[in-house]
Amino acid sequence: MMTEDVNAGCTACSRDHFTTIACSLNEAARMSKSISMSSPEIQERIAKSEEELNAVERYDLSPDKLAKMPTGEREVLRDLLKKARENIRQQLEITGLRWGNGTITDLEDVASAASDISKEFRERITPFYVERVGKLRGWKTSTGQTSVSDNTWIWWIVGGALAGFMGWLMFKKKEEEVV
C-alpha cells in the first residue's frame, strides 16, 4: 500500500481536516438557532474547527512540507491556506465567535466560508492528488495509460462522508454526556 512521503505535505489528511472544519462550523451554526453562542456545545465545535485548522497549517501543510510538494499543487494549497486564515481563523477572532460572542449571522457566514473552502479544496486539489497517487499505484485505463478509474471518485466521496460522519458522531457522544 502506498503512503505519502511524511516529509511532504499530506494532501489526503488536509482534505479531511477541511471537511471536519466545515462540518463542525455548520453544526455550530445549526445549534446557534436554539442555544446561546457562548454555550459549551457551540464553543466546543468552534474550538474543534480551530484545532483542525491548526493541524493543517502547522503540520500537514507547514511551510517546510509545502516546499517539497509539486509546484502547481503547492501554489493551490498556499492559496487555500490563505483563504482559510482570512475567512475562518480571522473571522472567528474578529467577530468574537471564538470567545462566545458574535451573532448567528456571523457564525453562518464563517460556516459558509468553511464549506466553500472545503469544496474548493476538493475541486482544485483532487486532480493533482489523483494524478500523483495514480502514478505511484499504477492505476491504468483501458488504453494502458496511467489514470484514475471511475471507482476512485467514489472512494473520495465515501471518505469525505465518513470524515463528516465521524465528526458528527464525536459531537453527538459529547452531547449525550452533557445531558
N, C-alpha and C. Protein backbone atom coordinates (compact mmCIF):
# COMPACT_ATOMS: atom_id res chain seq x y z
N MET A 1 0.84 -1.19 0.00
CA MET A 1 0.00 0.00 0.00
C MET A 1 0.88 1.24 0.00
N MET A 2 0.53 2.22 -0.82
CA MET A 2 1.30 3.44 -0.95
C MET A 2 0.90 4.43 0.13
N THR A 3 1.89 5.07 0.73
CA THR A 3 1.61 6.15 1.67
C THR A 3 2.35 7.38 1.17
N GLU A 4 1.86 8.53 1.56
CA GLU A 4 2.53 9.77 1.15
C GLU A 4 3.82 9.94 1.92
N ASP A 5 4.79 10.58 1.30
CA ASP A 5 6.05 10.90 1.95
C ASP A 5 5.75 11.82 3.13
N VAL A 6 6.14 11.40 4.33
CA VAL A 6 5.85 12.21 5.52
C VAL A 6 6.60 13.52 5.53
N ASN A 7 7.60 13.66 4.66
CA ASN A 7 8.34 14.91 4.59
C ASN A 7 7.67 15.92 3.67
N ALA A 8 6.67 15.47 2.90
CA ALA A 8 5.90 16.36 2.04
C ALA A 8 4.53 16.54 2.67
N GLY A 9 3.84 17.59 2.26
CA GLY A 9 2.52 17.85 2.82
C GLY A 9 1.56 16.70 2.58
N CYS A 10 0.67 16.50 3.49
CA CYS A 10 -0.29 15.41 3.38
C CYS A 10 -1.61 15.95 2.83
N THR A 11 -1.81 15.77 1.55
CA THR A 11 -3.00 16.28 0.88
C THR A 11 -4.25 15.57 1.35
N ALA A 12 -4.20 14.26 1.48
CA ALA A 12 -5.38 13.49 1.89
C ALA A 12 -5.82 13.89 3.30
N CYS A 13 -4.86 14.04 4.20
CA CYS A 13 -5.19 14.45 5.58
C CYS A 13 -5.78 15.86 5.58
N SER A 14 -5.21 16.75 4.80
CA SER A 14 -5.69 18.13 4.74
C SER A 14 -7.13 18.18 4.25
N ARG A 15 -7.44 17.35 3.27
CA ARG A 15 -8.80 17.29 2.75
C ARG A 15 -9.77 16.92 3.89
N ASP A 16 -9.40 15.94 4.69
CA ASP A 16 -10.24 15.52 5.81
C ASP A 16 -10.37 16.63 6.86
N HIS A 17 -9.27 17.35 7.12
CA HIS A 17 -9.33 18.45 8.08
C HIS A 17 -10.30 19.54 7.61
N PHE A 18 -10.21 19.91 6.32
CA PHE A 18 -11.12 20.94 5.81
C PHE A 18 -12.57 20.49 5.86
N THR A 19 -12.81 19.20 5.61
CA THR A 19 -14.17 18.66 5.73
C THR A 19 -14.67 18.77 7.16
N THR A 20 -13.82 18.43 8.12
CA THR A 20 -14.21 18.48 9.53
C THR A 20 -14.44 19.92 9.99
N ILE A 21 -13.63 20.85 9.52
CA ILE A 21 -13.82 22.27 9.84
C ILE A 21 -15.21 22.71 9.39
N ALA A 22 -15.53 22.40 8.14
CA ALA A 22 -16.84 22.80 7.61
C ALA A 22 -17.97 22.14 8.38
N CYS A 23 -17.85 20.86 8.65
CA CYS A 23 -18.90 20.14 9.40
C CYS A 23 -19.09 20.70 10.80
N SER A 24 -17.99 20.96 11.50
CA SER A 24 -18.07 21.49 12.87
C SER A 24 -18.74 22.85 12.91
N LEU A 25 -18.35 23.73 11.99
CA LEU A 25 -18.93 25.07 11.98
C LEU A 25 -20.38 25.07 11.52
N ASN A 26 -20.72 24.20 10.58
CA ASN A 26 -22.11 24.10 10.15
C ASN A 26 -22.99 23.57 11.27
N GLU A 27 -22.49 22.62 12.02
CA GLU A 27 -23.24 22.08 13.15
C GLU A 27 -23.41 23.16 14.23
N ALA A 28 -22.36 23.93 14.48
CA ALA A 28 -22.46 25.03 15.46
C ALA A 28 -23.49 26.06 15.00
N ALA A 29 -23.49 26.37 13.70
CA ALA A 29 -24.46 27.34 13.17
C ALA A 29 -25.88 26.82 13.33
N ARG A 30 -26.08 25.55 13.07
CA ARG A 30 -27.40 24.95 13.23
C ARG A 30 -27.86 25.05 14.68
N MET A 31 -26.96 24.73 15.59
CA MET A 31 -27.30 24.75 17.02
C MET A 31 -27.53 26.17 17.54
N SER A 32 -26.87 27.15 16.93
CA SER A 32 -26.94 28.53 17.43
C SER A 32 -28.34 29.13 17.34
N LYS A 33 -29.20 28.50 16.59
CA LYS A 33 -30.58 28.99 16.47
C LYS A 33 -31.41 28.69 17.72
N SER A 34 -30.92 27.74 18.54
CA SER A 34 -31.71 27.37 19.72
C SER A 34 -30.97 27.52 21.05
N ILE A 35 -29.64 27.73 20.99
CA ILE A 35 -28.89 27.91 22.24
C ILE A 35 -27.92 29.07 22.10
N SER A 36 -27.43 29.54 23.22
CA SER A 36 -26.54 30.70 23.27
C SER A 36 -25.22 30.44 22.55
N MET A 37 -24.70 31.49 21.92
CA MET A 37 -23.41 31.41 21.23
C MET A 37 -22.28 31.02 22.20
N SER A 38 -22.44 31.34 23.47
CA SER A 38 -21.41 31.03 24.46
C SER A 38 -21.60 29.65 25.09
N SER A 39 -22.60 28.89 24.64
CA SER A 39 -22.84 27.57 25.22
C SER A 39 -21.65 26.65 24.95
N PRO A 40 -21.38 25.74 25.87
CA PRO A 40 -20.25 24.81 25.68
C PRO A 40 -20.36 23.99 24.39
N GLU A 41 -21.57 23.65 23.98
CA GLU A 41 -21.75 22.84 22.78
C GLU A 41 -21.27 23.60 21.53
N ILE A 42 -21.64 24.85 21.43
CA ILE A 42 -21.21 25.64 20.27
C ILE A 42 -19.73 25.96 20.37
N GLN A 43 -19.27 26.36 21.54
CA GLN A 43 -17.86 26.69 21.70
C GLN A 43 -16.95 25.49 21.43
N GLU A 44 -17.40 24.30 21.78
CA GLU A 44 -16.62 23.09 21.52
C GLU A 44 -16.47 22.86 20.01
N ARG A 45 -17.53 23.10 19.26
CA ARG A 45 -17.47 22.91 17.82
C ARG A 45 -16.58 23.97 17.16
N ILE A 46 -16.65 25.19 17.65
CA ILE A 46 -15.77 26.23 17.13
C ILE A 46 -14.32 25.89 17.45
N ALA A 47 -14.05 25.46 18.68
CA ALA A 47 -12.69 25.07 19.07
C ALA A 47 -12.19 23.90 18.22
N LYS A 48 -13.07 22.95 17.92
CA LYS A 48 -12.68 21.81 17.09
C LYS A 48 -12.28 22.28 15.70
N SER A 49 -13.01 23.23 15.15
CA SER A 49 -12.65 23.74 13.83
C SER A 49 -11.29 24.42 13.87
N GLU A 50 -11.01 25.13 14.97
CA GLU A 50 -9.70 25.78 15.10
C GLU A 50 -8.58 24.74 15.25
N GLU A 51 -8.84 23.67 15.99
CA GLU A 51 -7.86 22.58 16.13
C GLU A 51 -7.53 21.97 14.77
N GLU A 52 -8.57 21.75 13.98
CA GLU A 52 -8.38 21.15 12.66
C GLU A 52 -7.59 22.08 11.74
N LEU A 53 -7.89 23.37 11.81
CA LEU A 53 -7.15 24.34 11.01
C LEU A 53 -5.69 24.41 11.47
N ASN A 54 -5.47 24.33 12.77
CA ASN A 54 -4.10 24.29 13.29
C ASN A 54 -3.35 23.08 12.73
N ALA A 55 -4.00 21.93 12.70
CA ALA A 55 -3.35 20.72 12.19
C ALA A 55 -2.95 20.89 10.73
N VAL A 56 -3.82 21.52 9.94
CA VAL A 56 -3.50 21.75 8.53
C VAL A 56 -2.32 22.72 8.41
N GLU A 57 -2.42 23.85 9.08
CA GLU A 57 -1.40 24.90 8.94
C GLU A 57 -0.05 24.50 9.53
N ARG A 58 -0.08 23.88 10.68
CA ARG A 58 1.16 23.66 11.43
C ARG A 58 1.78 22.29 11.24
N TYR A 59 1.02 21.37 10.64
CA TYR A 59 1.60 20.06 10.43
C TYR A 59 1.48 19.61 8.97
N ASP A 60 0.28 19.31 8.53
CA ASP A 60 0.11 18.72 7.20
C ASP A 60 0.60 19.62 6.07
N LEU A 61 0.35 20.92 6.19
CA LEU A 61 0.77 21.86 5.14
C LEU A 61 1.69 22.94 5.69
N SER A 62 2.58 22.55 6.59
CA SER A 62 3.55 23.51 7.13
C SER A 62 4.48 23.97 6.01
N PRO A 63 5.11 25.13 6.15
CA PRO A 63 5.96 25.65 5.07
C PRO A 63 7.04 24.67 4.60
N ASP A 64 7.68 23.95 5.54
CA ASP A 64 8.72 23.02 5.13
C ASP A 64 8.15 21.86 4.31
N LYS A 65 6.93 21.44 4.62
CA LYS A 65 6.31 20.35 3.85
C LYS A 65 5.77 20.85 2.52
N LEU A 66 5.22 22.05 2.52
CA LEU A 66 4.75 22.63 1.25
C LEU A 66 5.89 22.77 0.25
N ALA A 67 7.07 23.13 0.74
CA ALA A 67 8.22 23.32 -0.14
C ALA A 67 8.57 22.05 -0.91
N LYS A 68 8.20 20.90 -0.40
CA LYS A 68 8.52 19.62 -1.03
C LYS A 68 7.41 19.11 -1.95
N MET A 69 6.32 19.87 -2.04
CA MET A 69 5.19 19.48 -2.89
C MET A 69 5.45 19.89 -4.34
N PRO A 70 4.82 19.21 -5.29
CA PRO A 70 4.93 19.64 -6.70
C PRO A 70 4.42 21.08 -6.85
N THR A 71 5.05 21.86 -7.72
CA THR A 71 4.80 23.29 -7.84
C THR A 71 3.34 23.67 -7.99
N GLY A 72 2.61 23.12 -8.94
CA GLY A 72 1.21 23.50 -9.15
C GLY A 72 0.35 23.23 -7.93
N GLU A 73 0.53 22.06 -7.35
CA GLU A 73 -0.22 21.67 -6.16
C GLU A 73 0.13 22.59 -4.99
N ARG A 74 1.40 22.89 -4.84
CA ARG A 74 1.86 23.76 -3.74
C ARG A 74 1.22 25.14 -3.82
N GLU A 75 1.15 25.72 -5.01
CA GLU A 75 0.57 27.06 -5.16
C GLU A 75 -0.93 27.06 -4.84
N VAL A 76 -1.64 26.03 -5.26
CA VAL A 76 -3.07 25.93 -4.94
C VAL A 76 -3.25 25.79 -3.43
N LEU A 77 -2.44 24.95 -2.79
CA LEU A 77 -2.53 24.75 -1.34
C LEU A 77 -2.23 26.05 -0.59
N ARG A 78 -1.24 26.79 -1.02
CA ARG A 78 -0.94 28.08 -0.37
C ARG A 78 -2.12 29.03 -0.49
N ASP A 79 -2.74 29.06 -1.66
CA ASP A 79 -3.90 29.93 -1.86
C ASP A 79 -5.05 29.51 -0.94
N LEU A 80 -5.29 28.22 -0.81
CA LEU A 80 -6.38 27.74 0.05
C LEU A 80 -6.08 28.01 1.53
N LEU A 81 -4.83 27.87 1.93
CA LEU A 81 -4.47 28.19 3.32
C LEU A 81 -4.70 29.67 3.61
N LYS A 82 -4.34 30.53 2.66
CA LYS A 82 -4.56 31.97 2.83
C LYS A 82 -6.06 32.25 2.99
N LYS A 83 -6.88 31.63 2.16
CA LYS A 83 -8.33 31.82 2.26
C LYS A 83 -8.86 31.32 3.60
N ALA A 84 -8.34 30.20 4.06
CA ALA A 84 -8.78 29.64 5.35
C ALA A 84 -8.42 30.58 6.50
N ARG A 85 -7.22 31.15 6.45
CA ARG A 85 -6.81 32.08 7.51
C ARG A 85 -7.69 33.33 7.52
N GLU A 86 -7.96 33.87 6.33
CA GLU A 86 -8.74 35.10 6.22
C GLU A 86 -10.22 34.88 6.52
N ASN A 87 -10.78 33.79 6.03
CA ASN A 87 -12.23 33.60 6.09
C ASN A 87 -12.70 32.72 7.23
N ILE A 88 -11.78 32.03 7.88
CA ILE A 88 -12.17 31.22 9.04
C ILE A 88 -11.49 31.75 10.29
N ARG A 89 -10.18 31.60 10.36
CA ARG A 89 -9.45 31.97 11.58
C ARG A 89 -9.66 33.44 11.95
N GLN A 90 -9.40 34.34 11.02
CA GLN A 90 -9.53 35.77 11.34
C GLN A 90 -10.97 36.15 11.65
N GLN A 91 -11.92 35.57 10.95
CA GLN A 91 -13.33 35.92 11.19
C GLN A 91 -13.81 35.39 12.55
N LEU A 92 -13.32 34.24 12.97
CA LEU A 92 -13.68 33.74 14.30
C LEU A 92 -13.18 34.70 15.38
N GLU A 93 -12.03 35.30 15.14
CA GLU A 93 -11.46 36.26 16.11
C GLU A 93 -12.15 37.62 16.00
N ILE A 94 -12.25 38.15 14.80
CA ILE A 94 -12.81 39.49 14.59
C ILE A 94 -14.24 39.59 15.10
N THR A 95 -15.04 38.57 14.82
CA THR A 95 -16.45 38.59 15.23
C THR A 95 -16.64 38.25 16.69
N GLY A 96 -15.61 37.70 17.31
CA GLY A 96 -15.71 37.31 18.72
C GLY A 96 -16.32 35.93 18.92
N LEU A 97 -16.59 35.23 17.83
CA LEU A 97 -17.22 33.91 17.94
C LEU A 97 -16.41 32.95 18.79
N ARG A 98 -15.10 33.00 18.65
CA ARG A 98 -14.27 32.06 19.42
C ARG A 98 -14.28 32.36 20.91
N TRP A 99 -14.84 33.50 21.28
CA TRP A 99 -14.93 33.88 22.68
C TRP A 99 -16.37 33.86 23.19
N GLY A 100 -17.26 33.28 22.40
CA GLY A 100 -18.65 33.17 22.83
C GLY A 100 -19.50 34.37 22.49
N ASN A 101 -18.96 35.28 21.70
CA ASN A 101 -19.71 36.45 21.25
C ASN A 101 -20.06 36.27 19.78
N GLY A 102 -20.46 37.33 19.14
CA GLY A 102 -20.83 37.25 17.74
C GLY A 102 -22.31 36.91 17.59
N THR A 103 -22.75 36.93 16.35
CA THR A 103 -24.16 36.70 16.06
C THR A 103 -24.34 35.40 15.29
N ILE A 104 -25.58 34.99 15.18
CA ILE A 104 -25.90 33.81 14.38
C ILE A 104 -25.44 34.04 12.94
N THR A 105 -25.66 35.24 12.44
CA THR A 105 -25.24 35.57 11.07
C THR A 105 -23.73 35.46 10.92
N ASP A 106 -22.97 35.94 11.92
CA ASP A 106 -21.51 35.81 11.89
C ASP A 106 -21.11 34.34 11.75
N LEU A 107 -21.72 33.49 12.56
CA LEU A 107 -21.38 32.08 12.55
C LEU A 107 -21.80 31.42 11.24
N GLU A 108 -22.97 31.78 10.74
CA GLU A 108 -23.41 31.23 9.45
C GLU A 108 -22.47 31.65 8.33
N ASP A 109 -21.98 32.89 8.38
CA ASP A 109 -21.05 33.37 7.36
C ASP A 109 -19.73 32.60 7.39
N VAL A 110 -19.20 32.39 8.60
CA VAL A 110 -17.94 31.64 8.73
C VAL A 110 -18.14 30.18 8.31
N ALA A 111 -19.26 29.60 8.70
CA ALA A 111 -19.56 28.21 8.32
C ALA A 111 -19.68 28.09 6.80
N SER A 112 -20.34 29.05 6.18
CA SER A 112 -20.49 29.04 4.73
C SER A 112 -19.13 29.17 4.05
N ALA A 113 -18.28 30.05 4.56
CA ALA A 113 -16.93 30.21 4.01
C ALA A 113 -16.14 28.92 4.14
N ALA A 114 -16.26 28.25 5.29
CA ALA A 114 -15.55 26.98 5.50
C ALA A 114 -16.03 25.92 4.52
N SER A 115 -17.33 25.86 4.29
CA SER A 115 -17.87 24.90 3.32
C SER A 115 -17.36 25.20 1.91
N ASP A 116 -17.32 26.48 1.56
CA ASP A 116 -16.82 26.87 0.24
C ASP A 116 -15.35 26.50 0.07
N ILE A 117 -14.55 26.71 1.11
CA ILE A 117 -13.12 26.38 1.05
C ILE A 117 -12.94 24.87 0.95
N SER A 118 -13.72 24.10 1.71
CA SER A 118 -13.65 22.65 1.64
C SER A 118 -14.00 22.15 0.23
N LYS A 119 -15.04 22.72 -0.35
CA LYS A 119 -15.45 22.34 -1.71
C LYS A 119 -14.36 22.73 -2.71
N GLU A 120 -13.83 23.94 -2.57
CA GLU A 120 -12.79 24.39 -3.47
C GLU A 120 -11.54 23.51 -3.35
N PHE A 121 -11.22 23.10 -2.12
CA PHE A 121 -10.09 22.20 -1.91
C PHE A 121 -10.29 20.94 -2.73
N ARG A 122 -11.46 20.32 -2.61
CA ARG A 122 -11.73 19.08 -3.35
C ARG A 122 -11.64 19.31 -4.86
N GLU A 123 -12.22 20.40 -5.32
CA GLU A 123 -12.25 20.66 -6.76
C GLU A 123 -10.87 20.96 -7.34
N ARG A 124 -10.06 21.72 -6.60
CA ARG A 124 -8.77 22.15 -7.14
C ARG A 124 -7.63 21.17 -6.87
N ILE A 125 -7.67 20.47 -5.75
CA ILE A 125 -6.56 19.61 -5.36
C ILE A 125 -6.73 18.17 -5.84
N THR A 126 -7.95 17.70 -5.91
CA THR A 126 -8.17 16.30 -6.27
C THR A 126 -7.46 15.91 -7.58
N PRO A 127 -7.54 16.70 -8.64
CA PRO A 127 -6.83 16.27 -9.87
C PRO A 127 -5.32 16.11 -9.67
N PHE A 128 -4.68 17.01 -8.92
CA PHE A 128 -3.25 16.89 -8.66
C PHE A 128 -2.96 15.61 -7.87
N TYR A 129 -3.73 15.42 -6.81
CA TYR A 129 -3.51 14.29 -5.91
C TYR A 129 -3.75 12.96 -6.63
N VAL A 130 -4.83 12.88 -7.37
CA VAL A 130 -5.17 11.64 -8.06
C VAL A 130 -4.11 11.31 -9.11
N GLU A 131 -3.62 12.33 -9.80
CA GLU A 131 -2.56 12.09 -10.79
C GLU A 131 -1.29 11.57 -10.11
N ARG A 132 -0.90 12.21 -9.01
CA ARG A 132 0.32 11.81 -8.30
C ARG A 132 0.19 10.40 -7.72
N VAL A 133 -0.90 10.14 -7.04
CA VAL A 133 -1.11 8.84 -6.41
C VAL A 133 -1.35 7.77 -7.48
N GLY A 134 -2.07 8.13 -8.53
CA GLY A 134 -2.33 7.18 -9.61
C GLY A 134 -1.04 6.67 -10.23
N LYS A 135 -0.07 7.55 -10.41
CA LYS A 135 1.23 7.12 -10.96
C LYS A 135 1.94 6.18 -9.99
N LEU A 136 1.91 6.50 -8.71
CA LEU A 136 2.57 5.65 -7.72
C LEU A 136 1.91 4.28 -7.59
N ARG A 137 0.59 4.25 -7.71
CA ARG A 137 -0.15 2.99 -7.56
C ARG A 137 -0.29 2.24 -8.87
N GLY A 138 0.06 2.89 -9.96
CA GLY A 138 -0.01 2.22 -11.25
C GLY A 138 -1.42 2.04 -11.78
N TRP A 139 -2.31 2.97 -11.46
CA TRP A 139 -3.67 2.88 -11.98
C TRP A 139 -3.62 2.97 -13.50
N LYS A 140 -4.35 2.13 -14.19
CA LYS A 140 -4.33 2.10 -15.65
C LYS A 140 -5.73 2.25 -16.21
N THR A 141 -5.80 2.82 -17.42
CA THR A 141 -7.07 2.89 -18.14
C THR A 141 -7.08 1.76 -19.16
N SER A 142 -8.16 1.65 -19.90
CA SER A 142 -8.25 0.59 -20.91
C SER A 142 -7.23 0.81 -22.03
N THR A 143 -6.73 2.05 -22.18
CA THR A 143 -5.72 2.34 -23.19
C THR A 143 -4.31 2.06 -22.68
N GLY A 144 -4.20 1.70 -21.40
CA GLY A 144 -2.90 1.39 -20.83
C GLY A 144 -2.19 2.58 -20.21
N GLN A 145 -2.80 3.77 -20.25
CA GLN A 145 -2.17 4.94 -19.67
C GLN A 145 -2.53 5.04 -18.19
N THR A 146 -1.57 5.54 -17.42
CA THR A 146 -1.83 5.74 -16.01
C THR A 146 -2.91 6.80 -15.87
N SER A 147 -3.93 6.49 -15.10
CA SER A 147 -5.03 7.41 -14.91
C SER A 147 -5.79 7.03 -13.66
N VAL A 148 -6.92 7.63 -13.50
CA VAL A 148 -7.78 7.36 -12.35
C VAL A 148 -8.99 6.59 -12.84
N SER A 149 -9.33 5.53 -12.14
CA SER A 149 -10.54 4.80 -12.52
C SER A 149 -11.75 5.54 -11.99
N ASP A 150 -12.90 5.28 -12.57
CA ASP A 150 -14.13 5.91 -12.10
C ASP A 150 -14.41 5.57 -10.65
N ASN A 151 -14.01 4.39 -10.21
CA ASN A 151 -14.26 3.97 -8.84
C ASN A 151 -13.49 4.81 -7.82
N THR A 152 -12.38 5.40 -8.21
CA THR A 152 -11.60 6.22 -7.29
C THR A 152 -12.43 7.39 -6.78
N TRP A 153 -13.21 8.00 -7.62
CA TRP A 153 -14.04 9.14 -7.21
C TRP A 153 -15.05 8.73 -6.15
N ILE A 154 -15.56 7.53 -6.26
CA ILE A 154 -16.50 7.03 -5.27
C ILE A 154 -15.82 6.98 -3.90
N TRP A 155 -14.58 6.51 -3.87
CA TRP A 155 -13.87 6.40 -2.59
C TRP A 155 -13.58 7.77 -2.00
N TRP A 156 -13.32 8.78 -2.84
CA TRP A 156 -13.12 10.13 -2.34
C TRP A 156 -14.40 10.63 -1.68
N ILE A 157 -15.54 10.36 -2.31
CA ILE A 157 -16.82 10.80 -1.76
C ILE A 157 -17.10 10.06 -0.46
N VAL A 158 -16.89 8.75 -0.46
CA VAL A 158 -17.12 7.96 0.75
C VAL A 158 -16.21 8.43 1.88
N GLY A 159 -14.95 8.71 1.56
CA GLY A 159 -14.01 9.19 2.58
C GLY A 159 -14.44 10.51 3.20
N GLY A 160 -14.91 11.45 2.37
CA GLY A 160 -15.40 12.72 2.89
C GLY A 160 -16.63 12.55 3.75
N ALA A 161 -17.54 11.70 3.30
CA ALA A 161 -18.75 11.45 4.08
C ALA A 161 -18.41 10.78 5.41
N LEU A 162 -17.47 9.85 5.38
CA LEU A 162 -17.06 9.16 6.60
C LEU A 162 -16.43 10.14 7.59
N ALA A 163 -15.57 11.03 7.09
CA ALA A 163 -14.94 12.02 7.97
C ALA A 163 -16.00 12.92 8.61
N GLY A 164 -16.97 13.36 7.81
CA GLY A 164 -18.04 14.19 8.35
C GLY A 164 -18.88 13.44 9.37
N PHE A 165 -19.19 12.18 9.08
CA PHE A 165 -19.98 11.37 10.00
C PHE A 165 -19.24 11.14 11.31
N MET A 166 -17.93 10.88 11.23
CA MET A 166 -17.15 10.65 12.44
C MET A 166 -17.11 11.91 13.30
N GLY A 167 -17.00 13.08 12.66
CA GLY A 167 -17.04 14.33 13.42
C GLY A 167 -18.38 14.51 14.10
N TRP A 168 -19.47 14.24 13.37
CA TRP A 168 -20.82 14.35 13.95
C TRP A 168 -20.98 13.38 15.09
N LEU A 169 -20.51 12.14 14.91
CA LEU A 169 -20.64 11.12 15.94
C LEU A 169 -19.90 11.51 17.21
N MET A 170 -18.71 12.10 17.04
CA MET A 170 -17.92 12.53 18.19
C MET A 170 -18.69 13.60 18.98
N PHE A 171 -19.28 14.56 18.28
CA PHE A 171 -20.02 15.61 18.96
C PHE A 171 -21.31 15.08 19.56
N LYS A 172 -21.96 14.14 18.90
CA LYS A 172 -23.19 13.56 19.42
C LYS A 172 -22.90 12.85 20.74
N LYS A 173 -21.79 12.13 20.79
CA LYS A 173 -21.41 11.44 22.03
C LYS A 173 -21.19 12.45 23.15
N LYS A 174 -20.52 13.56 22.84
CA LYS A 174 -20.27 14.62 23.83
C LYS A 174 -21.60 15.20 24.31
N GLU A 175 -22.55 15.40 23.39
CA GLU A 175 -23.85 15.94 23.78
C GLU A 175 -24.55 15.01 24.75
N GLU A 176 -24.48 13.70 24.47
CA GLU A 176 -25.12 12.72 25.35
C GLU A 176 -24.50 12.73 26.73
N GLU A 177 -23.18 12.97 26.80
CA GLU A 177 -22.50 13.02 28.09
C GLU A 177 -22.95 14.24 28.89
N VAL A 178 -23.23 15.36 28.18
CA VAL A 178 -23.66 16.59 28.83
C VAL A 178 -25.07 16.43 29.41
N VAL A 179 -25.93 15.74 28.67
CA VAL A 179 -27.33 15.58 29.09
C VAL A 179 -27.43 14.65 30.21
